[in-house]
PDB file of N, CA and C in Angstrom:
ATOM      1  N   MET A   1      97.652 140.732  64.084  1.00  0.00           N
ATOM      2  CA  MET A   1      96.891 141.823  65.018  1.00  0.00           C
ATOM      3  C   MET A   1      96.162 141.006  66.472  1.00  0.00           C
ATOM      4  N   LYS A   2      95.652 139.747  66.200  1.00  0.00           N
ATOM      5  CA  LYS A   2      95.302 139.411  67.432  1.00  0.00           C
ATOM      6  C   LYS A   2      96.232 138.945  68.231  1.00  0.00           C
ATOM      7  N   ARG A   3      97.497 138.407  67.976  1.00  0.00           N
ATOM      8  CA  ARG A   3      98.609 138.247  68.765  1.00  0.00           C
ATOM      9  C   ARG A   3      98.901 139.237  69.436  1.00  0.00           C
ATOM     10  N   THR A   4      99.142 140.472  68.974  1.00  0.00           N
ATOM     11  CA  THR A   4      99.643 141.550  69.480  1.00  0.00           C
ATOM     12  C   THR A   4      98.692 141.855  70.510  1.00  0.00           C
ATOM     13  N   ILE A   5      97.471 141.863  70.536  1.00  0.00           N
ATOM     14  CA  ILE A   5      96.416 142.334  71.253  1.00  0.00           C
ATOM     15  C   ILE A   5      96.349 141.469  72.487  1.00  0.00           C
ATOM     16  N   ASP A   6      96.556 140.218  72.379  1.00  0.00           N
ATOM     17  CA  ASP A   6      96.563 139.070  73.283  1.00  0.00           C
ATOM     18  C   ASP A   6      98.003 139.440  73.985  1.00  0.00           C
ATOM     19  N   ALA A   7      99.236 139.712  73.558  1.00  0.00           N
ATOM     20  CA  ALA A   7     100.271 140.114  74.102  1.00  0.00           C
ATOM     21  C   ALA A   7     100.255 140.953  75.008  1.00  0.00           C
ATOM     22  N   LYS A   8      99.712 142.104  74.554  1.00  0.00           N
ATOM     23  CA  LYS A   8      99.285 143.405  75.121  1.00  0.00           C
ATOM     24  C   LYS A   8      98.379 142.918  76.525  1.00  0.00           C
ATOM     25  N   LEU A   9      97.372 142.041  76.270  1.00  0.00           N
ATOM     26  CA  LEU A   9      96.663 141.936  77.185  1.00  0.00           C
ATOM     27  C   LEU A   9      97.067 141.236  78.488  1.00  0.00           C
ATOM     28  N   VAL A  10      98.177 140.227  78.212  1.00  0.00           N
ATOM     29  CA  VAL A  10      98.807 139.377  78.869  1.00  0.00           C
ATOM     30  C   VAL A  10      99.664 140.299  79.735  1.00  0.00           C
ATOM     31  N   ALA A  11     100.398 141.175  79.332  1.00  0.00           N
ATOM     32  CA  ALA A  11     101.126 141.938  79.920  1.00  0.00           C
ATOM     33  C   ALA A  11     100.463 143.024  80.937  1.00  0.00           C
ATOM     34  N   ALA A  12      99.666 143.342  80.482  1.00  0.00           N
ATOM     35  CA  ALA A  12      98.315 144.135  81.061  1.00  0.00           C
ATOM     36  C   ALA A  12      97.905 143.717  82.434  1.00  0.00           C
ATOM     37  N   LEU A  13      97.794 142.430  82.238  1.00  0.00           N
ATOM     38  CA  LEU A  13      97.155 141.397  83.490  1.00  0.00           C
ATOM     39  C   LEU A  13      98.214 140.951  84.323  1.00  0.00           C
ATOM     40  N   ALA A  14      99.468 141.017  83.656  1.00  0.00           N
ATOM     41  CA  ALA A  14     100.775 140.551  84.873  1.00  0.00           C
ATOM     42  C   ALA A  14     100.730 142.094  85.879  1.00  0.00           C
ATOM     43  N   ARG A  15     100.548 143.585  85.068  1.00  0.00           N
ATOM     44  CA  ARG A  15     100.569 144.477  85.817  1.00  0.00           C
ATOM     45  C   ARG A  15      99.662 144.606  86.808  1.00  0.00           C
ATOM     46  N   VAL A  16      98.356 144.267  86.414  1.00  0.00           N
ATOM     47  CA  VAL A  16      97.374 144.054  87.543  1.00  0.00           C
ATOM     48  C   VAL A  16      97.706 143.079  88.830  1.00  0.00           C
ATOM     49  N   GLU A  17      98.174 142.011  88.321  1.00  0.00           N
ATOM     50  CA  GLU A  17      98.980 141.267  89.448  1.00  0.00           C
ATOM     51  C   GLU A  17      99.730 141.845  90.285  1.00  0.00           C
ATOM     52  N   GLN A  18     100.396 142.832  89.900  1.00  0.00           N
ATOM     53  CA  GLN A  18     101.794 143.548  90.603  1.00  0.00           C
ATOM     54  C   GLN A  18     100.864 144.866  91.566  1.00  0.00           C
ATOM     55  N   CYS A  19     100.487 145.595  90.540  1.00  0.00           N
ATOM     56  CA  CYS A  19      99.880 147.087  91.001  1.00  0.00           C
ATOM     57  C   CYS A  19      98.624 147.303  91.340  1.00  0.00           C
ATOM     58  N   GLY A  20      97.766 146.130  90.799  1.00  0.00           N
ATOM     59  CA  GLY A  20      96.230 146.389  91.201  1.00  0.00           C
ATOM     60  C   GLY A  20      95.545 146.946  89.978  1.00  0.00           C
ATOM     61  N   ASP A  21      96.410 147.518  89.071  1.00  0.00           N
ATOM     62  CA  ASP A  21      95.470 148.114  87.826  1.00  0.00           C
ATOM     63  C   ASP A  21      96.468 147.894  86.494  1.00  0.00           C
ATOM     64  N   MET A  22      95.987 148.133  85.297  1.00  0.00           N
ATOM     65  CA  MET A  22      96.574 147.987  84.314  1.00  0.00           C
ATOM     66  C   MET A  22      97.445 149.344  83.941  1.00  0.00           C
ATOM     67  N   ALA A  23      97.210 149.959  84.139  1.00  0.00           N
ATOM     68  CA  ALA A  23      97.970 151.553  84.186  1.00  0.00           C
ATOM     69  C   ALA A  23      97.791 152.312  85.219  1.00  0.00           C
ATOM     70  N   PRO A  24      98.377 153.484  85.156  1.00  0.00           N
ATOM     71  CA  PRO A  24      98.336 154.200  86.318  1.00  0.00           C
ATOM     72  C   PRO A  24      97.024 155.258  86.127  1.00  0.00           C
ATOM     73  N   ASP A  25      96.557 155.524  87.342  1.00  0.00           N
ATOM     74  CA  ASP A  25      95.179 156.275  87.607  1.00  0.00           C
ATOM     75  C   ASP A  25      95.182 157.327  86.384  1.00  0.00           C
ATOM     76  N   SER A  26      96.453 157.879  86.298  1.00  0.00           N
ATOM     77  CA  SER A  26      95.937 159.265  85.303  1.00  0.00           C
ATOM     78  C   SER A  26      96.186 158.741  83.942  1.00  0.00           C
ATOM     79  N   ASP A  27      96.236 157.424  83.549  1.00  0.00           N
ATOM     80  CA  ASP A  27      96.188 157.247  82.117  1.00  0.00           C
ATOM     81  C   ASP A  27      94.589 156.585  81.942  1.00  0.00           C
ATOM     82  N   HIS A  28      93.891 157.420  81.041  1.00  0.00           N
ATOM     83  CA  HIS A  28      92.475 157.102  80.563  1.00  0.00           C
ATOM     84  C   HIS A  28      92.508 156.898  79.045  1.00  0.00           C
ATOM     85  N   SER A  29      93.469 156.422  78.403  1.00  0.00           N
ATOM     86  CA  SER A  29      93.544 156.229  77.160  1.00  0.00           C
ATOM     87  C   SER A  29      92.490 155.245  76.471  1.00  0.00           C
ATOM     88  N   PRO A  30      92.056 155.234  75.458  1.00  0.00           N
ATOM     89  CA  PRO A  30      90.892 154.477  74.963  1.00  0.00           C
ATOM     90  C   PRO A  30      91.354 152.909  74.988  1.00  0.00           C
ATOM     91  N   SER A  31      92.472 152.626  74.529  1.00  0.00           N
ATOM     92  CA  SER A  31      93.060 151.314  74.372  1.00  0.00           C
ATOM     93  C   SER A  31      93.269 150.638  75.978  1.00  0.00           C
ATOM     94  N   THR A  32      93.505 151.565  76.853  1.00  0.00           N
ATOM     95  CA  THR A  32      93.370 150.950  78.420  1.00  0.00           C
ATOM     96  C   THR A  32      92.069 150.703  79.180  1.00  0.00           C
ATOM     97  N   MET A  33      91.102 151.681  78.249  1.00  0.00           N
ATOM     98  CA  MET A  33      89.804 151.398  78.763  1.00  0.00           C
ATOM     99  C   MET A  33      89.062 150.145  78.387  1.00  0.00           C
ATOM    100  N   ILE A  34      89.780 149.944  76.873  1.00  0.00           N
ATOM    101  CA  ILE A  34      88.667 148.756  76.244  1.00  0.00           C
ATOM    102  C   ILE A  34      89.446 147.755  76.677  1.00  0.00           C
ATOM    103  N   MET A  35      90.898 147.549  76.847  1.00  0.00           N
ATOM    104  CA  MET A  35      91.343 146.452  77.743  1.00  0.00           C
ATOM    105  C   MET A  35      90.765 145.915  79.088  1.00  0.00           C
ATOM    106  N   ARG A  36      90.608 146.921  79.615  1.00  0.00           N
ATOM    107  CA  ARG A  36      90.024 146.491  81.285  1.00  0.00           C
ATOM    108  C   ARG A  36      88.265 146.324  80.903  1.00  0.00           C
ATOM    109  N   HIS A  37      87.783 146.614  80.232  1.00  0.00           N
ATOM    110  CA  HIS A  37      86.528 146.339  79.765  1.00  0.00           C
ATOM    111  C   HIS A  37      86.723 144.719  79.039  1.00  0.00           C
ATOM    112  N   TRP A  38      87.826 144.446  78.249  1.00  0.00           N
ATOM    113  CA  TRP A  38      87.713 143.099  77.766  1.00  0.00           C
ATOM    114  C   TRP A  38      87.936 141.886  78.891  1.00  0.00           C
ATOM    115  N   ALA A  39      88.734 142.542  79.999  1.00  0.00           N
ATOM    116  CA  ALA A  39      89.190 141.519  80.932  1.00  0.00           C
ATOM    117  C   ALA A  39      88.157 141.424  82.182  1.00  0.00           C
ATOM    118  N   VAL A  40      87.536 142.543  82.419  1.00  0.00           N
ATOM    119  CA  VAL A  40      86.351 142.365  83.445  1.00  0.00           C
ATOM    120  C   VAL A  40      85.356 141.393  82.562  1.00  0.00           C
ATOM    121  N   ARG A  41      85.096 141.718  81.424  1.00  0.00           N
ATOM    122  CA  ARG A  41      84.186 140.858  80.416  1.00  0.00           C
ATOM    123  C   ARG A  41      84.272 139.561  80.365  1.00  0.00           C
ATOM    124  N   ASP A  42      85.706 139.024  80.022  1.00  0.00           N
ATOM    125  CA  ASP A  42      85.778 137.639  79.862  1.00  0.00           C
ATOM    126  C   ASP A  42      86.417 137.239  81.385  1.00  0.00           C
ATOM    127  N   ASP A  43      86.114 137.765  82.609  1.00  0.00           N
ATOM    128  CA  ASP A  43      86.145 137.290  83.395  1.00  0.00           C
ATOM    129  C   ASP A  43      87.515 136.956  83.857  1.00  0.00           C
ATOM    130  N   LEU A  44      88.648 137.810  83.714  1.00  0.00           N
ATOM    131  CA  LEU A  44      90.037 137.686  83.918  1.00  0.00           C
ATOM    132  C   LEU A  44      90.413 138.539  85.063  1.00  0.00           C
ATOM    133  N   MET A  45      89.716 139.461  85.491  1.00  0.00           N
ATOM    134  CA  MET A  45      89.762 140.357  86.641  1.00  0.00           C
ATOM    135  C   MET A  45      88.515 140.892  86.850  1.00  0.00           C
ATOM    136  N   ARG A  46      88.637 141.033  88.274  1.00  0.00           N
ATOM    137  CA  ARG A  46      87.624 141.916  88.962  1.00  0.00           C
ATOM    138  C   ARG A  46      87.776 142.983  89.938  1.00  0.00           C
ATOM    139  N   TRP A  47      86.943 143.764  90.034  1.00  0.00           N
ATOM    140  CA  TRP A  47      87.271 144.980  90.871  1.00  0.00           C
ATOM    141  C   TRP A  47      86.941 144.683  92.504  1.00  0.00           C
ATOM    142  N   ASP A  48      87.436 145.105  93.424  1.00  0.00           N
ATOM    143  CA  ASP A  48      87.547 144.655  94.736  1.00  0.00           C
ATOM    144  C   ASP A  48      87.280 146.078  95.496  1.00  0.00           C
ATOM    145  N   CYS A  49      85.829 146.094  95.846  1.00  0.00           N
ATOM    146  CA  CYS A  49      85.408 147.494  96.409  1.00  0.00           C
ATOM    147  C   CYS A  49      86.208 148.183  97.738  1.00  0.00           C
ATOM    148  N   GLU A  50      86.804 147.089  98.629  1.00  0.00           N
ATOM    149  CA  GLU A  50      87.255 147.121  99.907  1.00  0.00           C
ATOM    150  C   GLU A  50      88.420 147.414  99.778  1.00  0.00           C
ATOM    151  N   GLU A  51      89.375 146.792  98.585  1.00  0.00           N
ATOM    152  CA  GLU A  51      90.647 147.354  98.608  1.00  0.00           C
ATOM    153  C   GLU A  51      90.888 148.469  97.666  1.00  0.00           C
ATOM    154  N   ARG A  52      89.900 148.681  96.835  1.00  0.00           N
ATOM    155  CA  ARG A  52      89.743 149.671  95.862  1.00  0.00           C
ATOM    156  C   ARG A  52      90.982 149.369  94.658  1.00  0.00           C
ATOM    157  N   ARG A  53      90.861 148.168  94.179  1.00  0.00           N
ATOM    158  CA  ARG A  53      92.039 147.802  93.190  1.00  0.00           C
ATOM    159  C   ARG A  53      91.549 146.744  92.484  1.00  0.00           C
ATOM    160  N   TYR A  54      91.932 146.480  91.433  1.00  0.00           N
ATOM    161  CA  TYR A  54      91.497 145.012  90.676  1.00  0.00           C
ATOM    162  C   TYR A  54      92.415 144.123  91.168  1.00  0.00           C
ATOM    163  N   PHE A  55      91.819 142.637  91.091  1.00  0.00           N
ATOM    164  CA  PHE A  55      92.431 141.478  91.346  1.00  0.00           C
ATOM    165  C   PHE A  55      92.075 140.541  90.176  1.00  0.00           C
ATOM    166  N   LEU A  56      93.140 139.499  90.030  1.00  0.00           N
ATOM    167  CA  LEU A  56      92.713 138.699  89.043  1.00  0.00           C
ATOM    168  C   LEU A  56      92.230 137.537  89.108  1.00  0.00           C
ATOM    169  N   THR A  57      91.259 137.056  88.414  1.00  0.00           N
ATOM    170  CA  THR A  57      90.434 135.762  88.751  1.00  0.00           C
ATOM    171  C   THR A  57      91.354 134.534  88.553  1.00  0.00           C
ATOM    172  N   PRO A  58      91.025 133.621  89.221  1.00  0.00           N
ATOM    173  CA  PRO A  58      91.876 132.312  88.663  1.00  0.00           C
ATOM    174  C   PRO A  58      92.058 132.152  87.435  1.00  0.00           C
ATOM    175  N   ARG A  59      91.005 132.453  86.105  1.00  0.00           N
ATOM    176  CA  ARG A  59      91.365 132.496  85.033  1.00  0.00           C
ATOM    177  C   ARG A  59      92.360 133.449  84.309  1.00  0.00           C
ATOM    178  N   GLY A  60      92.190 134.550  84.824  1.00  0.00           N
ATOM    179  CA  GLY A  60      93.311 135.588  84.527  1.00  0.00           C
ATOM    180  C   GLY A  60      94.591 135.066  84.768  1.00  0.00           C
ATOM    181  N   THR A  61      94.867 134.562  86.231  1.00  0.00           N
ATOM    182  CA  THR A  61      95.902 134.316  86.982  1.00  0.00           C
ATOM    183  C   THR A  61      96.848 132.982  85.762  1.00  0.00           C
ATOM    184  N   ALA A  62      95.845 132.118  85.436  1.00  0.00           N
ATOM    185  CA  ALA A  62      96.164 131.155  84.687  1.00  0.00           C
ATOM    186  C   ALA A  62      96.569 131.392  83.335  1.00  0.00           C
ATOM    187  N   LEU A  63      96.420 132.701  82.871  1.00  0.00           N
ATOM    188  CA  LEU A  63      96.729 133.405  81.519  1.00  0.00           C
ATOM    189  C   LEU A  63      97.733 133.989  81.826  1.00  0.00           C
ATOM    190  N   VAL A  64      98.104 134.752  83.121  1.00  0.00           N
ATOM    191  CA  VAL A  64      99.584 135.206  83.185  1.00  0.00           C
ATOM    192  C   VAL A  64     100.579 134.250  83.355  1.00  0.00           C
ATOM    193  N   ARG A  65     100.258 133.544  84.219  1.00  0.00           N
ATOM    194  CA  ARG A  65     101.298 132.333  84.985  1.00  0.00           C
ATOM    195  C   ARG A  65     100.829 130.979  84.264  1.00  0.00           C
ATOM    196  N   PRO A  66     101.144 130.747  82.595  1.00  0.00           N
ATOM    197  CA  PRO A  66     100.601 129.182  82.470  1.00  0.00           C
ATOM    198  C   PRO A  66     101.361 128.280  83.006  1.00  0.00           C
ATOM    199  N   SER A  67     100.796 126.930  83.341  1.00  0.00           N
ATOM    200  CA  SER A  67     101.239 126.258  83.946  1.00  0.00           C
ATOM    201  C   SER A  67     102.535 124.994  83.065  1.00  0.00           C
ATOM    202  N   ARG A  68     103.366 124.405  83.841  1.00  0.00           N
ATOM    203  CA  ARG A  68     104.218 123.662  82.882  1.00  0.00           C
ATOM    204  C   ARG A  68     103.735 122.521  82.070  1.00  0.00           C
ATOM    205  N   PRO A  69     104.243 122.192  80.735  1.00  0.00           N
ATOM    206  CA  PRO A  69     103.450 121.181  80.045  1.00  0.00           C
ATOM    207  C   PRO A  69     103.216 120.255  80.959  1.00  0.00           C
ATOM    208  N   GLN A  70     101.991 119.250  80.521  1.00  0.00           N
ATOM    209  CA  GLN A  70     101.680 118.055  81.230  1.00  0.00           C
ATOM    210  C   GLN A  70     102.546 117.233  80.614  1.00  0.00           C
ATOM    211  N   ALA A  71     102.864 116.227  81.553  1.00  0.00           N
ATOM    212  CA  ALA A  71     103.598 114.705  80.785  1.00  0.00           C
ATOM    213  C   ALA A  71     102.456 114.029  80.440  1.00  0.00           C
ATOM    214  N   PHE A  72     102.867 113.339  79.267  1.00  0.00           N
ATOM    215  CA  PHE A  72     101.880 112.392  78.565  1.00  0.00           C
ATOM    216  C   PHE A  72     102.622 111.249  78.316  1.00  0.00           C
ATOM    217  N   THR A  73     101.867 110.280  77.880  1.00  0.00           N
ATOM    218  CA  THR A  73     102.048 108.920  77.643  1.00  0.00           C
ATOM    219  C   THR A  73     101.842 108.476  76.161  1.00  0.00           C
ATOM    220  N   LEU A  74     102.852 107.920  75.713  1.00  0.00           N
ATOM    221  CA  LEU A  74     102.302 107.359  74.280  1.00  0.00           C
ATOM    222  C   LEU A  74     102.199 105.963  74.464  1.00  0.00           C
ATOM    223  N   LEU A  75     100.567 105.805  73.974  1.00  0.00           N
ATOM    224  CA  LEU A  75     100.045 104.290  73.929  1.00  0.00           C
ATOM    225  C   LEU A  75      99.998 103.740  72.464  1.00  0.00           C
ATOM    226  N   PRO A  76     100.503 102.422  72.229  1.00  0.00           N
ATOM    227  CA  PRO A  76     100.816 101.871  71.165  1.00  0.00           C
ATOM    228  C   PRO A  76      99.520 101.746  70.333  1.00  0.00           C
ATOM    229  N   PHE A  77      99.279 101.927  68.960  1.00  0.00           N
ATOM    230  CA  PHE A  77      98.333 101.916  68.317  1.00  0.00           C
ATOM    231  C   PHE A  77      98.403 100.825  67.397  1.00  0.00           C
ATOM    232  N   ASN A  78      97.494  99.771  67.687  1.00  0.00           N
ATOM    233  CA  ASN A  78      97.228  98.690  66.643  1.00  0.00           C
ATOM    234  C   ASN A  78      96.020  98.662  65.672  1.00  0.00           C
ATOM    235  N   ARG A  79      96.459  98.349  64.501  1.00  0.00           N
ATOM    236  CA  ARG A  79      95.312  98.243  63.368  1.00  0.00           C
ATOM    237  C   ARG A  79      94.641  97.091  63.414  1.00  0.00           C
ATOM    238  N   ARG A  80      93.281  97.118  62.718  1.00  0.00           N
ATOM    239  CA  ARG A  80      92.658  95.832  63.307  1.00  0.00           C
ATOM    240  C   ARG A  80      93.181  94.639  62.424  1.00  0.00           C
ATOM    241  N   ALA A  81      93.952  94.954  61.156  1.00  0.00           N
ATOM    242  CA  ALA A  81      94.526  93.742  60.430  1.00  0.00           C
ATOM    243  C   ALA A  81      95.724  93.044  61.237  1.00  0.00           C
ATOM    244  N   ASP A  82      96.360  94.436  61.930  1.00  0.00           N
ATOM    245  CA  ASP A  82      97.557  93.527  63.221  1.00  0.00           C
ATOM    246  C   ASP A  82      97.273  92.792  63.876  1.00  0.00           C
ATOM    247  N   ARG A  83      95.994  93.383  64.670  1.00  0.00           N
ATOM    248  CA  ARG A  83      95.484  92.335  65.726  1.00  0.00           C
ATOM    249  C   ARG A  83      94.933  90.919  64.998  1.00  0.00           C
ATOM    250  N   ARG A  84      94.552  90.717  64.173  1.00  0.00           N
ATOM    251  CA  ARG A  84      94.002  89.375  63.334  1.00  0.00           C
ATOM    252  C   ARG A  84      95.105  88.747  63.383  1.00  0.00           C
ATOM    253  N   ALA A  85      96.119  89.115  62.617  1.00  0.00           N
ATOM    254  CA  ALA A  85      97.541  88.492  62.719  1.00  0.00           C
ATOM    255  C   ALA A  85      98.005  88.154  63.582  1.00  0.00           C
ATOM    256  N   GLY A  86      98.453  88.845  64.510  1.00  0.00           N
ATOM    257  CA  GLY A  86      98.690  88.574  66.079  1.00  0.00           C
ATOM    258  C   GLY A  86      98.030  87.795  66.976  1.00  0.00           C
TER     259      GLY A  86
END
């Protein structure tokens, strides 16, 4: 259940980035209103009074467009017994 809600929220946030809102102005369904509330509460998007539309915060943008996986370095691990012997 949580994964479907998260997937719907990410899709809705992608729509915010394109159109400025999660749904058309005529859509006042409870699920849309709840997702708007969650996104504003969790600081994923904010309302811009001058532009009269929502915009994504950096946190919301990171959720919509995840960064590439970071490269990592594998460090050798030596046990204490190995260090004493060598």
